[in-house]
Amino acid sequence: AQLESVSLMWMGCSVEVQAYNGSADFILGTDVKRDKAGKRTIKARVTLRQWVEKLELEVDVFHKNYPIERLIVAKHLVTPSWKSMKRIRRERAVVGKLLRREPTSKQWSFPFARPTKGAVCSIYGLRRFFNGLRRSPHRGVDFRGKTGVPIYAINAGRVILVADHFFAGKSVYVDHGAGLISGYFHLSKALVPMGATVTKGQTIGLMGATGRSTKAHLHLSLYSLGRAIDSQPILATKE
């Protein structure tokens, strides 16, 4: 029987992907800040030409003890003023709404491109201390480089936000469809406008040190169904 589409339910969120050449690809994950260890269930609704089949798969989410990273930044970036906190809350609300949007049609395909030529300098999940104070774990992957280095879209999609935020600095968010969104932070300059369609490997910005940053680098966030997940397993290991 020919596969037509697959719908998945994961941690209260649902997404559907149309089949292509007899298969339907998904990227799911857990968020180091939001999710706890334990058993989870993936529910699937598989639509074939002749019938519909429902499946369930139980998975174990394990605890991981991530390394500690200690950073020194300007004091106002660790303990923001009342005025800055109002700004931070507004910015978080904007991004939160984006991440809760209904999944759009899938535009991405394997393999995923690297966002820049620099090496990884800070992995996902690190337990972070800023000026000795514990803050949220690192929910992205950092790449080293210099100001002005090109930043590339890791896959095809549509630009859904171009912003300059307190923590993320100048940033670009791309919706790749099927619940997958990538975010590129601390840019010195964004090179794409809101609503632009981008291709895999297209230059979308330039590396910088804007926002809460100790030096020029790229922070790449990858969100699956609203959860910030580790992007390294799906990124190309080299250019």
Protein backbone atom coordinates (compact mmCIF):
# COMPACT_ATOMS: atom_id res chain seq x y z
CA ALA A 1 0.00 0.00 0.00
CA GLN A 2 1.27 3.50 -0.83
CA LEU A 3 2.05 5.81 2.09
CA GLU A 4 0.25 9.16 1.80
CA SER A 5 0.89 10.96 5.10
CA VAL A 6 1.84 10.48 8.75
CA SER A 7 0.53 12.44 11.75
CA LEU A 8 2.45 12.35 15.03
CA MET A 9 1.55 13.37 18.56
CA TRP A 10 4.56 14.12 20.81
CA MET A 11 4.35 15.63 24.28
CA GLY A 12 0.98 17.20 23.62
CA CYS A 13 1.87 18.62 20.19
CA SER A 14 0.83 17.26 16.81
CA VAL A 15 2.34 17.53 13.34
CA GLU A 16 1.51 15.99 9.96
CA VAL A 17 3.88 15.34 7.07
CA GLN A 18 2.93 14.32 3.54
CA ALA A 19 4.86 11.33 2.24
CA TYR A 20 7.51 11.73 -0.45
CA ASN A 21 8.89 8.71 -2.30
CA GLY A 22 7.22 6.42 0.23
CA SER A 23 8.57 8.02 3.41
CA ALA A 24 7.77 10.84 5.84
CA ASP A 25 10.56 12.44 7.91
CA PHE A 26 10.18 14.06 11.32
CA ILE A 27 12.55 15.63 13.85
CA LEU A 28 11.45 15.36 17.48
CA GLY A 29 13.30 16.03 20.71
CA THR A 30 13.27 17.12 24.32
CA ASP A 31 14.14 20.47 25.89
CA VAL A 32 16.90 20.52 28.53
CA LYS A 33 15.05 23.26 30.42
CA ARG A 34 11.43 22.09 30.14
CA ASP A 35 11.45 18.30 30.06
CA LYS A 36 12.22 15.68 32.70
CA ALA A 37 13.41 12.10 32.46
CA GLY A 38 10.77 9.39 32.13
CA LYS A 39 8.77 7.33 29.69
CA ARG A 40 7.04 9.13 26.80
CA THR A 41 4.76 7.93 24.02
CA ILE A 42 4.81 8.84 20.35
CA LYS A 43 1.39 8.35 18.78
CA ALA A 44 1.23 7.99 15.01
CA ARG A 45 -1.63 8.01 12.52
CA VAL A 46 -0.45 6.51 9.23
CA THR A 47 -2.58 7.15 6.16
CA LEU A 48 -2.17 4.70 3.30
CA ARG A 49 -4.06 4.67 0.03
CA GLN A 50 -6.35 1.86 1.22
CA TRP A 51 -6.58 2.38 4.97
CA VAL A 52 -5.51 4.26 8.12
CA GLU A 53 -3.41 2.66 10.84
CA LYS A 54 -2.75 3.94 14.37
CA LEU A 55 0.50 3.12 16.16
CA GLU A 56 2.13 3.91 19.51
CA LEU A 57 5.83 3.83 20.39
CA GLU A 58 7.11 4.18 23.94
CA VAL A 59 10.47 5.92 24.39
CA ASP A 60 12.65 6.54 27.43
CA VAL A 61 13.90 10.07 28.09
CA PHE A 62 17.10 9.83 30.13
CA HIS A 63 18.68 12.40 32.43
CA LYS A 64 22.04 13.74 31.26
CA ASN A 65 24.50 15.49 33.55
CA TYR A 66 25.83 18.27 31.30
CA PRO A 67 29.14 20.04 32.00
CA ILE A 68 29.31 23.44 33.69
CA GLU A 69 30.29 26.60 31.79
CA ARG A 70 31.24 29.80 33.63
CA LEU A 71 31.08 33.15 31.84
CA ILE A 72 31.81 36.75 32.78
CA VAL A 73 29.66 39.46 31.18
CA ALA A 74 28.55 42.99 31.96
CA LYS A 75 26.52 43.14 35.19
CA HIS A 76 23.37 44.51 33.51
CA LEU A 77 23.24 41.40 31.29
CA VAL A 78 22.99 39.13 34.35
CA THR A 79 20.74 41.23 36.59
CA PRO A 80 18.76 43.43 34.19
CA SER A 81 17.09 46.61 35.35
CA TRP A 82 13.32 46.85 35.82
CA LYS A 83 13.06 48.63 32.46
CA SER A 84 15.13 45.94 30.74
CA MET A 85 12.99 43.20 32.31
CA LYS A 86 9.87 44.75 30.79
CA ARG A 87 11.62 44.60 27.41
CA ILE A 88 12.75 41.01 27.99
CA ARG A 89 9.20 39.91 28.84
CA ARG A 90 7.85 41.53 25.66
CA GLU A 91 10.51 39.82 23.56
CA ARG A 92 9.89 36.44 25.17
CA ALA A 93 6.18 36.79 24.46
CA VAL A 94 6.87 37.46 20.77
CA VAL A 95 9.18 34.45 20.43
CA GLY A 96 6.87 32.26 22.50
CA LYS A 97 3.98 33.01 20.16
CA LEU A 98 6.13 32.11 17.16
CA LEU A 99 7.12 28.79 18.70
CA ARG A 100 3.50 27.92 19.45
CA ARG A 101 2.36 28.50 15.86
CA GLU A 102 0.66 25.69 13.99
CA PRO A 103 3.18 23.61 12.03
CA THR A 104 3.42 24.66 8.38
CA SER A 105 4.13 22.43 5.37
CA LYS A 106 7.50 20.69 5.51
CA GLN A 107 10.22 22.46 3.49
CA TRP A 108 13.38 20.90 4.96
CA SER A 109 15.21 17.83 3.77
CA PHE A 110 18.28 15.87 4.86
CA PRO A 111 21.16 16.64 5.10
CA PHE A 112 21.17 19.91 7.08
CA ALA A 113 23.88 22.49 6.30
CA ARG A 114 26.21 23.91 8.92
CA PRO A 115 25.30 27.52 9.79
CA THR A 116 28.91 28.72 9.57
CA LYS A 117 32.38 27.35 8.86
CA GLY A 118 33.63 27.79 12.43
CA ALA A 119 33.94 24.94 14.91
CA VAL A 120 31.52 24.33 17.77
CA CYS A 121 32.72 26.15 20.88
CA SER A 122 29.79 25.59 23.27
CA ILE A 123 27.48 22.57 23.17
CA TYR A 124 23.78 22.26 23.92
CA GLY A 125 22.75 21.63 27.53
CA LEU A 126 25.64 23.25 29.40
CA ARG A 127 24.82 24.30 32.95
CA ARG A 128 25.63 27.99 32.75
CA PHE A 129 26.84 30.41 35.39
CA PHE A 130 27.08 34.11 34.51
CA ASN A 131 29.26 36.13 36.90
CA GLY A 132 28.92 33.26 39.35
CA LEU A 133 25.11 33.17 39.22
CA ARG A 134 23.33 30.14 37.83
CA ARG A 135 21.06 30.87 34.89
CA SER A 136 19.12 28.79 32.35
CA PRO A 137 20.98 25.92 30.67
CA HIS A 138 22.39 26.51 27.20
CA ARG A 139 19.55 25.68 24.81
CA GLY A 140 21.53 25.98 21.59
CA VAL A 141 24.91 25.33 19.97
CA ASP A 142 27.59 28.02 19.66
CA PHE A 143 30.04 28.32 16.76
CA ARG A 144 33.25 30.34 16.90
CA GLY A 145 34.24 32.95 14.36
CA LYS A 146 34.85 36.64 13.80
CA THR A 147 32.53 39.59 13.30
CA GLY A 148 31.34 39.71 9.71
CA VAL A 149 31.66 35.98 8.99
CA PRO A 150 28.70 34.75 6.84
CA ILE A 151 25.89 32.85 8.57
CA TYR A 152 23.93 30.32 6.50
CA ALA A 153 20.38 28.93 6.73
CA ILE A 154 20.65 25.30 7.82
CA ASN A 155 17.76 24.38 5.53
CA ALA A 156 15.05 25.79 3.30
CA GLY A 157 12.27 27.81 4.90
CA ARG A 158 10.66 31.19 5.44
CA VAL A 159 11.92 34.03 7.63
CA ILE A 160 9.33 34.59 10.37
CA LEU A 161 11.20 37.08 12.58
CA VAL A 162 14.08 39.53 12.25
CA ALA A 163 14.76 41.20 15.60
CA ASP A 164 17.21 42.84 17.98
CA HIS A 165 16.60 41.35 21.43
CA PHE A 166 18.16 41.98 24.84
CA PHE A 167 19.74 38.52 25.21
CA ALA A 168 19.81 37.18 21.62
CA GLY A 169 20.93 40.46 20.04
CA LYS A 170 20.32 40.81 16.33
CA SER A 171 18.62 37.60 15.30
CA VAL A 172 16.84 35.77 12.49
CA TYR A 173 14.24 33.00 12.87
CA VAL A 174 13.42 30.64 9.99
CA ASP A 175 10.38 28.32 9.85
CA HIS A 176 11.36 25.13 8.01
CA GLY A 177 7.93 23.53 8.31
CA ALA A 178 6.72 20.38 10.09
CA GLY A 179 7.19 22.15 13.42
CA LEU A 180 10.90 22.92 12.91
CA ILE A 181 12.23 26.48 13.47
CA SER A 182 15.86 27.64 13.60
CA GLY A 183 17.15 30.79 15.31
CA TYR A 184 20.46 32.58 14.61
CA PHE A 185 21.57 34.90 17.44
CA HIS A 186 24.17 37.61 18.20
CA LEU A 187 24.43 38.70 14.57
CA SER A 188 26.18 41.91 13.59
CA LYS A 189 23.74 42.24 10.70
CA ALA A 190 20.69 40.42 9.31
CA LEU A 191 20.67 40.10 5.52
CA VAL A 192 17.12 38.83 4.97
CA PRO A 193 13.76 40.56 5.53
CA MET A 194 10.66 39.26 7.27
CA GLY A 195 8.72 36.88 5.04
CA ALA A 196 11.66 36.04 2.77
CA THR A 197 11.94 32.51 1.41
CA VAL A 198 15.45 31.12 1.94
CA THR A 199 17.26 28.10 0.55
CA LYS A 200 19.57 25.69 2.32
CA GLY A 201 23.01 27.27 2.67
CA GLN A 202 21.86 30.80 1.78
CA THR A 203 23.63 33.62 3.62
CA ILE A 204 21.09 35.19 5.99
CA GLY A 205 23.32 37.28 8.24
CA LEU A 206 26.78 38.14 9.53
CA MET A 207 28.34 36.92 12.77
CA GLY A 208 28.60 39.39 15.63
CA ALA A 209 28.58 39.88 19.38
CA THR A 210 25.25 41.63 19.96
CA GLY A 211 23.04 40.83 22.96
CA ARG A 212 24.46 38.84 25.88
CA SER A 213 27.75 37.74 24.36
CA THR A 214 31.34 37.67 25.57
CA LYS A 215 32.78 37.76 22.04
CA ALA A 216 31.79 37.28 18.39
CA HIS A 217 30.12 33.91 17.76
CA LEU A 218 26.92 32.36 16.44
CA HIS A 219 24.34 30.83 18.74
CA LEU A 220 22.11 28.45 16.78
CA SER A 221 18.82 27.41 18.35
CA LEU A 222 16.69 24.65 16.88
CA TYR A 223 13.07 24.27 17.96
CA SER A 224 10.91 21.22 17.32
CA LEU A 225 7.22 21.70 18.11
CA GLY A 226 8.18 24.60 20.39
CA ARG A 227 10.95 22.77 22.24
CA ALA A 228 14.59 23.89 22.06
CA ILE A 229 16.47 20.74 21.04
CA ASP A 230 20.09 19.84 20.27
CA SER A 231 20.90 20.61 16.62
CA GLN A 232 24.31 18.92 16.46
CA PRO A 233 23.06 15.39 15.62
CA ILE A 234 21.48 16.59 12.36
CA LEU A 235 24.08 19.12 11.19
CA ALA A 236 26.73 18.25 8.62
CA THR A 237 30.05 17.52 10.36
CA LYS A 238 31.94 19.68 7.85
CA GLU A 239 31.38 21.94 4.88
